[in-house]
Amino acid sequence: MNIINKTYNTSAIAKIIGIHPNTVRLYEKWGFITAPIRKENGYRIFTNLHIYQFMLARSALQIEVLQNGLRKKVITIIKTVAGNEYDLAQNLINDYIKQIDIEISNTYEAIDIVKELNSRTFIQNNIFLKRKDAALILGISTDTLRNWEMNGLLKVKRKSNGYRVYTNEDINKLKIIRTLRCANFSFSEILNMTNKLEENKNIDIANIFDPQYKDTDIITTCNRLVLALHTCKENAKYMNEMIEKIKIY
């Protein structure tokens, strides 16, 4: 059986996938599916290929809270599949999974930092890093770090020569910020946290958010992020399966 033998109109494909017909048109407009053939009257003709592409895209976009470039990567994967570049798409999926694993590791590290800060057992080493070195440790770009500073998320110390320096305490805060950004916390929410830390060094960092910002504590938020990241990883495997089904035809 060839994957293109059976055809569907817009309403039929929407019913099969479980989406509104307008969403079908949007996916085509955004380049999430291969452009369907059109009849002389302009009606779209979809095939089983499109069903797989819709299933892949829906699975890929299931988790929408993630940042740190993950959503951008997954959209690139979807468009690559729509362009019928399947080997490239699978390579991108492998890279995507690697970044997910890094984000999971980062989140667990943020949890450990929060716990150690609360127990006051964290050993503060006297380190002084330049912005480039701090960004390298955090696995982010210097532009991202500069953006966080410009938005007030961290007040960076300066040496007598005016150069910015990042201490171990700064790095720990930035690791927590990095995870909260991945969990889609806004700058205002994180700024609320950092301001409270500045006002009271002995504050319980795990429960630092006001109800108006979040209805949960940082550790619970991190645990939820880990679950979301694991779901993304499973979705990525499913995307690979969809590509394999497409490739056999």
Protein backbone atom coordinates (compact mmCIF):
# COMPACT_ATOMS: atom_id res chain seq x y z
CA MET A 1 0.00 0.00 0.00
CA ASN A 2 1.39 3.37 -0.98
CA ILE A 3 1.06 6.17 1.56
CA ILE A 4 -0.45 8.56 -1.00
CA ASN A 5 -3.19 6.22 -2.30
CA LYS A 6 -5.94 7.41 0.06
CA THR A 7 -7.00 11.05 -0.01
CA TYR A 8 -8.96 13.33 2.33
CA ASN A 9 -10.47 16.80 2.20
CA THR A 10 -9.87 19.45 4.89
CA SER A 11 -12.88 18.50 7.02
CA ALA A 12 -12.00 14.80 6.93
CA ILE A 13 -8.36 15.34 7.88
CA ALA A 14 -9.42 17.68 10.71
CA LYS A 15 -11.79 15.03 12.08
CA ILE A 16 -9.14 12.31 11.93
CA ILE A 17 -6.54 14.42 13.74
CA GLY A 18 -9.06 15.94 16.16
CA ILE A 19 -8.49 19.59 15.31
CA HIS A 20 -10.49 22.45 13.81
CA PRO A 21 -10.35 22.82 9.99
CA ASN A 22 -8.85 26.28 10.51
CA THR A 23 -5.96 24.64 12.37
CA VAL A 24 -5.35 22.43 9.34
CA ARG A 25 -5.00 25.56 7.23
CA LEU A 26 -2.72 27.19 9.81
CA TYR A 27 -0.39 24.17 9.87
CA GLU A 28 -0.10 24.45 6.10
CA LYS A 29 0.50 28.22 6.32
CA TRP A 30 3.21 27.74 8.97
CA GLY A 31 4.97 25.08 6.90
CA PHE A 32 4.26 22.28 9.41
CA ILE A 33 3.03 19.92 6.67
CA THR A 34 3.89 19.30 3.04
CA ALA A 35 1.78 21.59 0.86
CA PRO A 36 -1.22 19.52 -0.30
CA ILE A 37 -2.19 19.21 -3.94
CA ARG A 38 -5.22 21.28 -4.91
CA LYS A 39 -8.09 20.41 -7.19
CA GLU A 40 -9.15 22.73 -9.99
CA ASN A 41 -11.73 24.26 -7.66
CA GLY A 42 -8.98 25.04 -5.11
CA TYR A 43 -9.95 22.35 -2.60
CA ARG A 44 -7.00 20.76 -0.81
CA ILE A 45 -6.23 17.06 -1.22
CA PHE A 46 -4.55 15.46 1.81
CA THR A 47 -2.99 11.99 2.01
CA ASN A 48 -1.84 9.58 4.70
CA LEU A 49 1.51 11.37 4.56
CA HIS A 50 -0.21 14.44 5.98
CA ILE A 51 -1.81 12.38 8.74
CA TYR A 52 1.66 11.28 9.91
CA GLN A 53 2.94 14.84 9.64
CA PHE A 54 0.03 16.19 11.67
CA MET A 55 0.54 13.49 14.31
CA LEU A 56 4.23 14.31 14.52
CA ALA A 57 3.63 18.06 14.81
CA ARG A 58 0.90 17.66 17.43
CA SER A 59 3.14 15.45 19.54
CA ALA A 60 6.11 17.79 19.15
CA LEU A 61 4.10 20.82 20.30
CA GLN A 62 2.37 19.07 23.20
CA ILE A 63 4.61 20.76 25.79
CA GLU A 64 4.51 24.52 25.24
CA VAL A 65 6.08 25.83 28.47
CA LEU A 66 9.67 25.12 27.52
CA GLN A 67 12.19 27.78 26.59
CA ASN A 68 16.00 27.80 26.17
CA GLY A 69 15.57 27.25 22.43
CA LEU A 70 13.77 23.91 22.79
CA ARG A 71 10.56 25.10 21.14
CA LYS A 72 12.53 26.68 18.30
CA LYS A 73 14.38 23.40 17.75
CA VAL A 74 11.20 21.35 17.65
CA ILE A 75 9.57 23.72 15.13
CA THR A 76 12.66 23.35 12.93
CA ILE A 77 12.24 19.57 13.13
CA ILE A 78 8.56 19.80 12.12
CA LYS A 79 9.37 21.99 9.11
CA THR A 80 12.25 19.72 8.10
CA VAL A 81 9.87 16.73 8.03
CA ALA A 82 7.39 18.79 6.01
CA GLY A 83 10.23 19.41 3.56
CA ASN A 84 10.70 15.62 3.25
CA GLU A 85 14.27 15.79 4.62
CA TYR A 86 13.84 12.82 6.92
CA ASP A 87 17.46 11.91 7.68
CA LEU A 88 18.21 15.52 8.59
CA ALA A 89 15.09 15.64 10.76
CA GLN A 90 16.20 12.54 12.67
CA ASN A 91 19.64 14.06 13.25
CA LEU A 92 17.93 17.17 14.60
CA ILE A 93 15.78 14.99 16.87
CA ASN A 94 18.91 13.35 18.29
CA ASP A 95 20.39 16.79 19.03
CA TYR A 96 17.06 17.84 20.56
CA ILE A 97 17.09 14.81 22.88
CA LYS A 98 20.66 15.62 23.94
CA GLN A 99 19.61 19.15 24.91
CA ILE A 100 16.62 17.79 26.83
CA ASP A 101 19.00 15.58 28.82
CA ILE A 102 21.14 18.65 29.57
CA GLU A 103 18.06 20.59 30.74
CA ILE A 104 17.04 17.68 32.99
CA SER A 105 20.53 17.65 34.52
CA ASN A 106 20.38 21.46 34.93
CA THR A 107 17.04 21.21 36.70
CA TYR A 108 18.27 18.60 39.16
CA GLU A 109 21.28 20.81 39.84
CA ALA A 110 18.97 23.77 40.54
CA ILE A 111 17.01 21.64 43.01
CA ASP A 112 20.22 20.70 44.83
CA ILE A 113 21.31 24.35 44.97
CA VAL A 114 17.95 25.43 46.43
CA LYS A 115 18.13 22.71 49.08
CA GLU A 116 21.72 23.56 50.00
CA LEU A 117 21.00 27.29 50.15
CA ASN A 118 18.09 26.62 52.47
CA SER A 119 20.14 24.38 54.74
CA ARG A 120 22.97 26.94 54.72
CA THR A 121 25.43 24.15 53.92
CA PHE A 122 26.51 25.47 50.55
CA ILE A 123 30.25 26.13 50.39
CA GLN A 124 30.90 29.50 48.80
CA ASN A 125 34.24 29.52 46.98
CA ASN A 126 35.88 32.83 46.23
CA ILE A 127 35.79 32.75 42.44
CA PHE A 128 35.64 35.76 40.12
CA LEU A 129 34.65 35.04 36.54
CA LYS A 130 34.33 37.22 33.47
CA ARG A 131 31.00 37.26 31.63
CA LYS A 132 32.31 34.97 28.88
CA ASP A 133 33.49 32.37 31.41
CA ALA A 134 30.24 32.60 33.42
CA ALA A 135 28.19 32.08 30.25
CA LEU A 136 30.35 29.07 29.34
CA ILE A 137 29.74 27.44 32.75
CA LEU A 138 26.00 28.08 32.44
CA GLY A 139 25.83 26.83 28.86
CA ILE A 140 24.17 30.03 27.63
CA SER A 141 25.25 32.82 25.32
CA THR A 142 26.83 36.02 26.59
CA ASP A 143 23.91 37.87 24.97
CA THR A 144 21.46 35.87 27.10
CA LEU A 145 23.44 36.63 30.23
CA ARG A 146 23.60 40.31 29.31
CA ASN A 147 19.82 40.28 28.71
CA TRP A 148 19.19 38.83 32.18
CA GLU A 149 21.33 41.54 33.73
CA MET A 150 19.63 44.30 31.75
CA ASN A 151 16.28 43.03 33.03
CA GLY A 152 17.57 43.25 36.58
CA LEU A 153 17.67 39.52 37.33
CA LEU A 154 21.20 39.81 38.71
CA LYS A 155 23.22 42.74 40.03
CA VAL A 156 26.75 42.08 38.88
CA LYS A 157 29.71 43.22 40.93
CA ARG A 158 32.55 45.17 39.37
CA LYS A 159 36.28 45.19 40.03
CA SER A 160 38.18 48.41 40.56
CA ASN A 161 38.95 48.54 36.83
CA GLY A 162 35.19 48.48 36.06
CA TYR A 163 35.09 44.92 34.69
CA ARG A 164 32.11 42.79 35.70
CA VAL A 165 32.90 39.72 37.79
CA TYR A 166 30.68 36.78 38.68
CA THR A 167 31.10 35.03 42.03
CA ASN A 168 30.14 31.51 43.02
CA GLU A 169 27.01 32.95 44.64
CA ASP A 170 26.11 34.64 41.34
CA ILE A 171 26.61 31.40 39.40
CA ASN A 172 24.30 29.52 41.80
CA LYS A 173 21.57 32.15 41.41
CA LEU A 174 22.01 32.11 37.64
CA LYS A 175 21.64 28.32 37.54
CA ILE A 176 18.29 28.66 39.31
CA ILE A 177 17.30 31.48 36.94
CA ARG A 178 18.30 29.34 33.96
CA THR A 179 15.96 26.57 35.08
CA LEU A 180 13.10 28.95 35.84
CA ARG A 181 13.44 30.48 32.37
CA CYS A 182 13.26 26.99 30.87
CA ALA A 183 10.06 26.48 32.90
CA ASN A 184 8.69 29.66 31.25
CA PHE A 185 8.84 31.93 34.30
CA SER A 186 8.68 35.56 33.22
CA PHE A 187 11.34 38.15 33.97
CA SER A 188 8.97 39.84 36.46
CA GLU A 189 8.42 36.59 38.36
CA ILE A 190 12.14 35.87 38.59
CA LEU A 191 12.90 39.50 39.44
CA ASN A 192 10.50 39.18 42.38
CA MET A 193 12.57 36.24 43.60
CA THR A 194 15.95 37.94 43.20
CA ASN A 195 14.73 41.11 44.92
CA LYS A 196 13.59 39.11 47.91
CA LEU A 197 16.96 37.38 48.07
CA GLU A 198 18.66 40.76 48.14
CA GLU A 199 16.36 41.99 50.91
CA ASN A 200 16.69 38.89 53.09
CA LYS A 201 19.62 36.47 52.75
CA ASN A 202 17.93 34.04 55.18
CA ILE A 203 14.66 33.76 53.26
CA ASP A 204 13.33 30.29 52.40
CA ILE A 205 14.23 30.26 48.71
CA ALA A 206 12.12 27.18 48.00
CA ASN A 207 8.93 29.09 48.90
CA ILE A 208 9.95 32.55 47.78
CA PHE A 209 7.14 33.32 45.33
CA ASP A 210 4.04 35.33 46.22
CA PRO A 211 0.71 33.70 45.33
CA GLN A 212 0.20 36.47 42.77
CA TYR A 213 3.18 35.10 40.82
CA LYS A 214 3.07 31.34 41.27
CA ASP A 215 0.95 28.94 43.28
CA THR A 216 3.86 26.64 43.96
CA ASP A 217 7.42 26.63 45.30
CA ILE A 218 10.64 26.42 43.31
CA ILE A 219 11.38 22.76 44.04
CA THR A 220 7.88 21.69 42.99
CA THR A 221 8.23 23.82 39.86
CA CYS A 222 11.56 22.13 39.07
CA ASN A 223 10.05 18.69 39.59
CA ARG A 224 7.22 19.56 37.23
CA LEU A 225 9.76 20.78 34.69
CA VAL A 226 11.61 17.46 34.90
CA LEU A 227 8.34 15.63 34.15
CA ALA A 228 7.67 17.96 31.19
CA LEU A 229 11.18 17.38 29.85
CA HIS A 230 10.78 13.61 30.12
CA THR A 231 7.50 13.94 28.20
CA CYS A 232 9.34 15.92 25.52
CA LYS A 233 11.89 13.13 25.30
CA GLU A 234 9.18 10.52 24.83
CA ASN A 235 7.51 12.74 22.22
CA ALA A 236 10.83 13.02 20.39
CA LYS A 237 11.04 9.22 20.23
CA TYR A 238 7.48 9.15 18.89
CA MET A 239 8.49 11.70 16.23
CA ASN A 240 11.27 9.35 15.16
CA GLU A 241 8.72 6.54 14.87
CA MET A 242 6.50 8.69 12.67
CA ILE A 243 9.44 9.47 10.40
CA GLU A 244 10.28 5.77 10.09
CA LYS A 245 6.68 5.07 9.06
CA ILE A 246 6.88 7.77 6.41
CA LYS A 247 10.27 6.55 5.11
CA ILE A 248 9.11 3.00 4.38
CA TYR A 249 6.74 4.18 1.66
